[in-house]
Amino acid sequence: MRAVRPGALKKRGIMGMNMRNGHYIGRYNNRKLYPLVDDKLKTKSIALEAGITVPDLIAEMDSNYQLKHLDSYLEGHNGFAVKPAKGSGGKGILVILKREGDQFFKPSGEAVSMKDMKRHCANILAGLYSLGGKPDTAIIETLINPDRVFDDFSYEGVPDIRVIIFKGFPVMAMMRLSTAESDGKANLHQGAVGVGLDIGTGRALRAVQHGKIIEEHPDTGVPLSTLAVPQWDTLLTLASGCYEMTGLGYLGADMVLDKDKGPLLLELNARPGLAIQVANGAGLLDRLRYVENLGEREYSVEERIRICSEFDF
């Protein structure tokens, strides 16, 4: 495959890592606010204060002593997710779909023992998955029950929606769909599918896996062009409101659509990745510059969504 020259990428408005870090993250994100989004427990706390629904917390453990009580924490829970509070990029997340006695089963069908569970939690506490390798907290959340409309679009996992928010404006969005390869995780680097979404409608624009365009989900065979996210306006309103909630000017909001609870906020990211451009087949720069050119006037959430819904790049 012939490499694309930097000039061609610039012409298409593709934003690179240096531009993202220097001009947008460095300029619009106050580092003092990073802990609000780098720690999932703090994000959960400020979200609840803002009236935003989040997955229920089963337990949090910040010491090896607490690991001795893991059995009692998990009593009565057949499905759940174990996460590092300060992890990034999906690292260290263990999803359990069902339990049979002391055996826990991942989306792939692989069995995990209680001893394995405790070892995984101990690794989280030691900072194996945290930013900078610092000691961390292991959190256990209830398993999300995804909306049935996504049954054929994701393989044994929970599909999530990533929206890039700039100065409160939802400038680009995609849905991440788990696959057998990604082991039930909506992580593009681990083989999940990324589907670019139209900001105005929540409908699929195109889909990619490992950076290559695909037409069907690799496991279910469903045409990805038929994907349409319900409650789209509600999801955009939730994501856009995270600007006021955190004070961060450039961030990624990760959400899911639960069958019973509706839109839930999973986490926020002060350094969202750039693969969303690949999923959309479009660059971020034109949209970001358009918002910058709007000046410093304050816009309501509804106005910000309307403006972005009318993007024509």
Protein backbone atom coordinates (compact mmCIF):
# COMPACT_ATOMS: atom_id res chain seq x y z
CA MET A 1 0.00 0.00 0.00
CA ARG A 2 1.39 3.38 -1.01
CA ALA A 3 2.00 5.76 1.89
CA VAL A 4 -0.08 8.92 2.04
CA ARG A 5 2.07 12.06 2.02
CA PRO A 6 1.78 14.50 4.95
CA GLY A 7 0.64 17.26 2.61
CA ALA A 8 -2.28 15.16 1.42
CA LEU A 9 -3.34 14.40 5.00
CA LYS A 10 -3.16 18.09 5.89
CA LYS A 11 -5.31 18.97 2.88
CA ARG A 12 -7.95 16.52 4.11
CA GLY A 13 -7.94 18.08 7.57
CA ILE A 14 -6.44 15.05 9.29
CA MET A 15 -5.11 15.93 12.74
CA GLY A 16 -1.89 14.31 13.91
CA MET A 17 -0.65 13.58 17.41
CA ASN A 18 1.56 16.67 17.69
CA MET A 19 -1.27 19.01 16.70
CA ARG A 20 -3.66 17.29 19.08
CA ASN A 21 -1.24 17.42 22.01
CA GLY A 22 0.14 20.90 21.45
CA HIS A 23 -2.71 22.98 20.11
CA TYR A 24 -5.82 21.32 21.50
CA ILE A 25 -5.03 19.28 24.61
CA GLY A 26 -2.25 21.62 25.75
CA ARG A 27 -4.23 24.78 25.06
CA TYR A 28 -7.75 23.83 26.10
CA ASN A 29 -7.24 21.31 28.93
CA ASN A 30 -6.08 22.61 32.30
CA ARG A 31 -3.86 19.89 33.77
CA LYS A 32 -5.32 20.53 37.22
CA LEU A 33 -8.59 19.09 35.93
CA TYR A 34 -7.11 15.84 34.61
CA PRO A 35 -7.78 13.86 37.82
CA LEU A 36 -11.52 14.31 37.21
CA VAL A 37 -11.29 12.13 34.13
CA ASP A 38 -8.13 10.08 34.73
CA ASP A 39 -9.76 8.41 37.75
CA LYS A 40 -12.97 6.53 36.92
CA LEU A 41 -14.18 6.82 40.51
CA LYS A 42 -13.91 10.61 40.42
CA THR A 43 -15.63 10.70 37.03
CA LYS A 44 -18.43 8.56 38.44
CA SER A 45 -18.78 10.92 41.40
CA ILE A 46 -19.03 14.17 39.42
CA ALA A 47 -21.37 12.52 36.91
CA LEU A 48 -23.78 11.48 39.66
CA GLU A 49 -23.65 15.02 41.08
CA ALA A 50 -24.58 16.31 37.63
CA GLY A 51 -27.51 13.90 37.41
CA ILE A 52 -25.87 11.67 34.79
CA THR A 53 -26.48 7.93 35.06
CA VAL A 54 -23.44 5.65 35.33
CA PRO A 55 -22.98 1.87 35.78
CA ASP A 56 -23.61 0.74 39.37
CA LEU A 57 -20.56 0.17 41.55
CA ILE A 58 -20.31 -3.25 43.19
CA ALA A 59 -16.99 -2.75 44.98
CA GLU A 60 -13.77 -0.78 45.04
CA MET A 61 -10.50 -2.15 46.40
CA ASP A 62 -7.32 -0.20 47.03
CA SER A 63 -5.47 -2.66 49.28
CA ASN A 64 -4.44 -6.30 49.08
CA TYR A 65 -6.24 -6.88 52.36
CA GLN A 66 -9.54 -6.15 50.63
CA LEU A 67 -8.81 -8.83 48.04
CA LYS A 68 -9.46 -11.41 50.75
CA HIS A 69 -13.10 -10.34 50.64
CA LEU A 70 -13.48 -10.58 46.86
CA ASP A 71 -15.69 -13.67 47.24
CA SER A 72 -18.21 -11.77 49.35
CA TYR A 73 -18.13 -8.70 47.09
CA LEU A 74 -19.07 -10.89 44.11
CA GLU A 75 -21.75 -12.88 45.89
CA GLY A 76 -24.99 -12.75 43.92
CA HIS A 77 -23.36 -11.22 40.82
CA ASN A 78 -23.19 -13.43 37.74
CA GLY A 79 -21.94 -10.76 35.35
CA PHE A 80 -19.68 -7.78 36.01
CA ALA A 81 -16.66 -5.83 34.81
CA VAL A 82 -13.38 -5.39 36.69
CA LYS A 83 -11.49 -2.21 35.82
CA PRO A 84 -8.45 -0.23 36.95
CA ALA A 85 -9.69 3.16 38.17
CA LYS A 86 -6.77 4.92 36.48
CA GLY A 87 -6.34 2.67 33.46
CA SER A 88 -6.37 3.82 29.85
CA GLY A 89 -6.94 2.35 26.42
CA GLY A 90 -9.05 -0.52 27.76
CA LYS A 91 -6.04 -2.09 29.48
CA GLY A 92 -6.79 -4.22 32.51
CA ILE A 93 -10.53 -4.47 31.91
CA LEU A 94 -11.89 -7.94 32.60
CA VAL A 95 -15.46 -8.63 31.50
CA ILE A 96 -17.29 -11.58 33.03
CA LEU A 97 -20.55 -12.71 31.42
CA LYS A 98 -21.53 -15.59 33.69
CA ARG A 99 -20.52 -17.58 36.75
CA GLU A 100 -20.72 -21.23 37.67
CA GLY A 101 -19.57 -21.79 41.24
CA ASP A 102 -16.00 -20.51 41.50
CA GLN A 103 -15.58 -20.41 37.73
CA PHE A 104 -16.12 -17.14 35.85
CA PHE A 105 -16.50 -16.99 32.08
CA LYS A 106 -15.25 -14.28 29.73
CA PRO A 107 -17.09 -13.38 26.49
CA SER A 108 -14.77 -15.76 24.61
CA GLY A 109 -15.94 -18.65 26.81
CA GLU A 110 -12.57 -18.85 28.58
CA ALA A 111 -12.91 -19.81 32.25
CA VAL A 112 -11.34 -17.69 34.99
CA SER A 113 -10.92 -19.02 38.54
CA MET A 114 -11.33 -17.03 41.74
CA LYS A 115 -7.55 -17.28 42.14
CA ASP A 116 -7.14 -15.75 38.67
CA MET A 117 -9.59 -12.98 39.60
CA LYS A 118 -7.62 -12.10 42.73
CA ARG A 119 -4.34 -12.13 40.79
CA HIS A 120 -5.82 -9.77 38.19
CA CYS A 121 -7.05 -7.40 40.89
CA ALA A 122 -3.64 -7.53 42.59
CA ASN A 123 -2.02 -6.52 39.30
CA ILE A 124 -4.40 -3.56 39.08
CA LEU A 125 -3.49 -2.46 42.61
CA ALA A 126 0.20 -2.70 41.73
CA GLY A 127 -0.31 -0.24 38.88
CA LEU A 128 0.25 -2.66 36.01
CA TYR A 129 -2.43 -0.93 33.90
CA SER A 130 -2.45 2.60 35.32
CA LEU A 131 -1.13 5.79 33.79
CA GLY A 132 2.52 6.05 34.79
CA GLY A 133 2.45 2.70 36.58
CA LYS A 134 1.27 4.25 39.84
CA PRO A 135 -0.64 2.23 42.49
CA ASP A 136 -4.28 1.96 41.52
CA THR A 137 -7.74 0.99 42.71
CA ALA A 138 -9.66 -2.00 41.35
CA ILE A 139 -13.32 -1.27 40.75
CA ILE A 140 -16.07 -3.75 39.99
CA GLU A 141 -19.17 -2.53 38.18
CA THR A 142 -22.43 -4.18 37.24
CA LEU A 143 -22.57 -5.52 33.73
CA ILE A 144 -24.30 -3.31 31.22
CA ASN A 145 -27.32 -4.80 29.46
CA PRO A 146 -26.97 -3.32 25.96
CA ASP A 147 -30.03 -2.23 24.01
CA ARG A 148 -31.34 -5.15 21.95
CA VAL A 149 -31.10 -3.05 18.79
CA PHE A 150 -27.35 -3.78 18.85
CA ASP A 151 -27.65 -7.58 19.24
CA ASP A 152 -26.34 -8.35 15.74
CA PHE A 153 -23.79 -5.54 15.65
CA SER A 154 -21.53 -6.65 18.50
CA TYR A 155 -20.06 -10.01 19.45
CA GLU A 156 -20.45 -11.05 23.10
CA GLY A 157 -19.73 -7.57 24.40
CA VAL A 158 -21.06 -4.09 24.99
CA PRO A 159 -20.88 -1.63 22.08
CA ASP A 160 -20.02 1.91 23.11
CA ILE A 161 -20.25 5.37 21.59
CA ARG A 162 -17.27 7.76 21.59
CA VAL A 163 -17.96 11.44 20.99
CA ILE A 164 -15.21 14.07 20.70
CA ILE A 165 -16.30 17.23 22.52
CA PHE A 166 -14.55 20.53 21.78
CA LYS A 167 -15.56 23.58 23.82
CA GLY A 168 -18.85 21.78 24.44
CA PHE A 169 -19.49 21.04 20.74
CA PRO A 170 -19.89 17.38 19.66
CA VAL A 171 -17.60 17.48 16.62
CA MET A 172 -17.19 13.80 15.72
CA ALA A 173 -18.59 10.44 16.82
CA MET A 174 -18.14 6.73 16.31
CA MET A 175 -19.45 3.46 17.69
CA ARG A 176 -17.08 0.71 18.74
CA LEU A 177 -18.31 -2.85 18.32
CA SER A 178 -16.69 -5.82 20.02
CA THR A 179 -15.60 -8.90 18.09
CA ALA A 180 -14.37 -12.39 18.90
CA GLU A 181 -10.86 -11.07 18.28
CA SER A 182 -11.30 -8.22 20.79
CA ASP A 183 -12.59 -10.68 23.44
CA GLY A 184 -15.79 -8.76 24.01
CA LYS A 185 -14.05 -5.41 24.47
CA ALA A 186 -14.88 -2.32 22.42
CA ASN A 187 -11.20 -1.55 21.86
CA LEU A 188 -10.08 -0.79 18.29
CA HIS A 189 -6.45 -1.71 18.98
CA GLN A 190 -7.57 -5.17 20.09
CA GLY A 191 -9.66 -5.83 16.98
CA ALA A 192 -13.00 -4.15 17.64
CA VAL A 193 -14.85 -2.50 14.75
CA GLY A 194 -15.11 1.29 14.55
CA VAL A 195 -18.19 2.75 12.86
CA GLY A 196 -18.19 6.45 12.01
CA LEU A 197 -21.48 8.14 12.89
CA ASP A 198 -23.23 11.11 11.35
CA ILE A 199 -23.44 13.78 14.05
CA GLY A 200 -26.87 14.89 12.90
CA THR A 201 -28.56 11.48 12.81
CA GLY A 202 -26.45 8.87 14.62
CA ARG A 203 -26.44 6.72 11.48
CA ALA A 204 -23.45 4.79 10.18
CA LEU A 205 -21.16 6.49 7.68
CA ARG A 206 -18.59 3.73 7.21
CA ALA A 207 -16.86 1.02 9.22
CA VAL A 208 -13.25 -0.06 9.74
CA GLN A 209 -11.33 -2.82 11.48
CA HIS A 210 -7.57 -2.53 11.93
CA GLY A 211 -7.77 0.62 9.81
CA LYS A 212 -9.32 -1.14 6.80
CA ILE A 213 -12.82 -0.49 5.50
CA ILE A 214 -15.24 -3.38 6.02
CA GLU A 215 -18.87 -3.84 5.01
CA GLU A 216 -20.07 -6.49 7.49
CA HIS A 217 -19.40 -7.38 11.11
CA PRO A 218 -16.67 -10.08 10.98
CA ASP A 219 -18.54 -12.41 13.35
CA THR A 220 -22.25 -11.77 12.86
CA GLY A 221 -22.20 -10.87 9.16
CA VAL A 222 -24.69 -8.01 9.63
CA PRO A 223 -24.27 -5.09 7.17
CA LEU A 224 -22.72 -2.28 9.22
CA SER A 225 -24.26 0.39 6.98
CA THR A 226 -27.64 -0.36 8.61
CA LEU A 227 -26.48 0.73 12.08
CA ALA A 228 -28.50 3.60 13.56
CA VAL A 229 -28.13 4.63 17.21
CA PRO A 230 -31.45 5.26 19.01
CA GLN A 231 -31.88 8.13 21.50
CA TRP A 232 -29.18 9.97 19.58
CA ASP A 233 -30.20 13.46 20.72
CA THR A 234 -30.12 12.33 24.35
CA LEU A 235 -26.64 10.84 23.93
CA LEU A 236 -25.33 14.04 22.31
CA THR A 237 -26.85 16.13 25.10
CA LEU A 238 -25.17 13.94 27.72
CA ALA A 239 -21.80 14.13 25.95
CA SER A 240 -21.94 17.88 25.33
CA GLY A 241 -22.81 18.57 28.96
CA CYS A 242 -19.53 16.95 30.04
CA TYR A 243 -17.82 20.19 29.03
CA GLU A 244 -19.50 22.12 31.84
CA MET A 245 -19.18 19.13 34.18
CA THR A 246 -15.38 18.90 33.86
CA GLY A 247 -14.18 22.26 32.55
CA LEU A 248 -12.08 20.46 29.93
CA GLY A 249 -12.18 21.99 26.48
CA TYR A 250 -11.09 18.93 24.51
CA LEU A 251 -12.20 15.49 25.60
CA GLY A 252 -13.73 12.18 24.57
CA ALA A 253 -16.97 10.97 26.14
CA ASP A 254 -17.61 7.22 26.12
CA MET A 255 -21.22 6.17 26.54
CA VAL A 256 -23.40 3.09 26.24
CA LEU A 257 -27.10 2.51 25.72
CA ASP A 258 -28.48 0.20 28.41
CA LYS A 259 -31.73 -1.65 27.67
CA ASP A 260 -33.22 -0.77 31.05
CA LYS A 261 -31.44 2.43 32.16
CA GLY A 262 -30.99 4.18 28.82
CA PRO A 263 -27.85 6.25 28.10
CA LEU A 264 -25.01 5.73 30.60
CA LEU A 265 -21.67 7.53 30.85
CA LEU A 266 -18.83 5.01 30.97
CA GLU A 267 -15.81 7.29 31.20
CA LEU A 268 -14.19 10.49 29.97
CA ASN A 269 -10.80 10.92 28.33
CA ALA A 270 -8.69 14.08 28.31
CA ARG A 271 -6.46 12.60 25.58
CA PRO A 272 -8.86 10.87 23.17
CA GLY A 273 -7.22 8.94 20.36
CA LEU A 274 -7.28 9.89 16.69
CA ALA A 275 -8.62 6.66 15.18
CA ILE A 276 -12.06 8.23 15.14
CA GLN A 277 -10.92 10.07 11.99
CA VAL A 278 -10.26 6.76 10.26
CA ALA A 279 -13.69 5.43 11.24
CA ASN A 280 -15.33 8.58 9.85
CA GLY A 281 -13.16 8.89 6.77
CA ALA A 282 -12.73 12.56 7.67
CA GLY A 283 -10.35 14.83 9.56
CA LEU A 284 -11.04 16.66 12.79
CA LEU A 285 -9.20 19.88 11.97
CA ASP A 286 -11.85 21.56 9.83
CA ARG A 287 -14.49 20.97 12.48
CA LEU A 288 -12.27 22.12 15.33
CA ARG A 289 -11.28 25.30 13.47
CA TYR A 290 -14.92 26.00 12.63
CA VAL A 291 -15.76 25.92 16.35
CA GLU A 292 -12.73 28.10 17.18
CA ASN A 293 -13.92 30.66 14.63
CA LEU A 294 -17.26 30.95 16.42
CA GLY A 295 -15.47 33.07 19.01
CA GLU A 296 -16.03 33.20 22.74
CA ARG A 297 -19.79 33.62 22.81
CA GLU A 298 -21.49 31.13 25.12
CA TYR A 299 -23.82 28.66 23.42
CA SER A 300 -26.40 26.42 25.06
CA VAL A 301 -26.06 22.63 24.73
CA GLU A 302 -28.97 22.65 22.27
CA GLU A 303 -27.32 25.33 20.12
CA ARG A 304 -24.02 23.47 20.11
CA ILE A 305 -25.67 20.26 18.96
CA ARG A 306 -27.65 22.07 16.25
CA ILE A 307 -24.51 23.77 14.88
CA CYS A 308 -22.59 20.50 14.70
CA SER A 309 -25.56 18.66 13.17
CA GLU A 310 -25.35 21.11 10.28
CA PHE A 311 -21.64 20.51 9.58
CA ASP A 312 -21.00 20.24 5.83
CA PHE A 313 -17.35 19.41 5.28
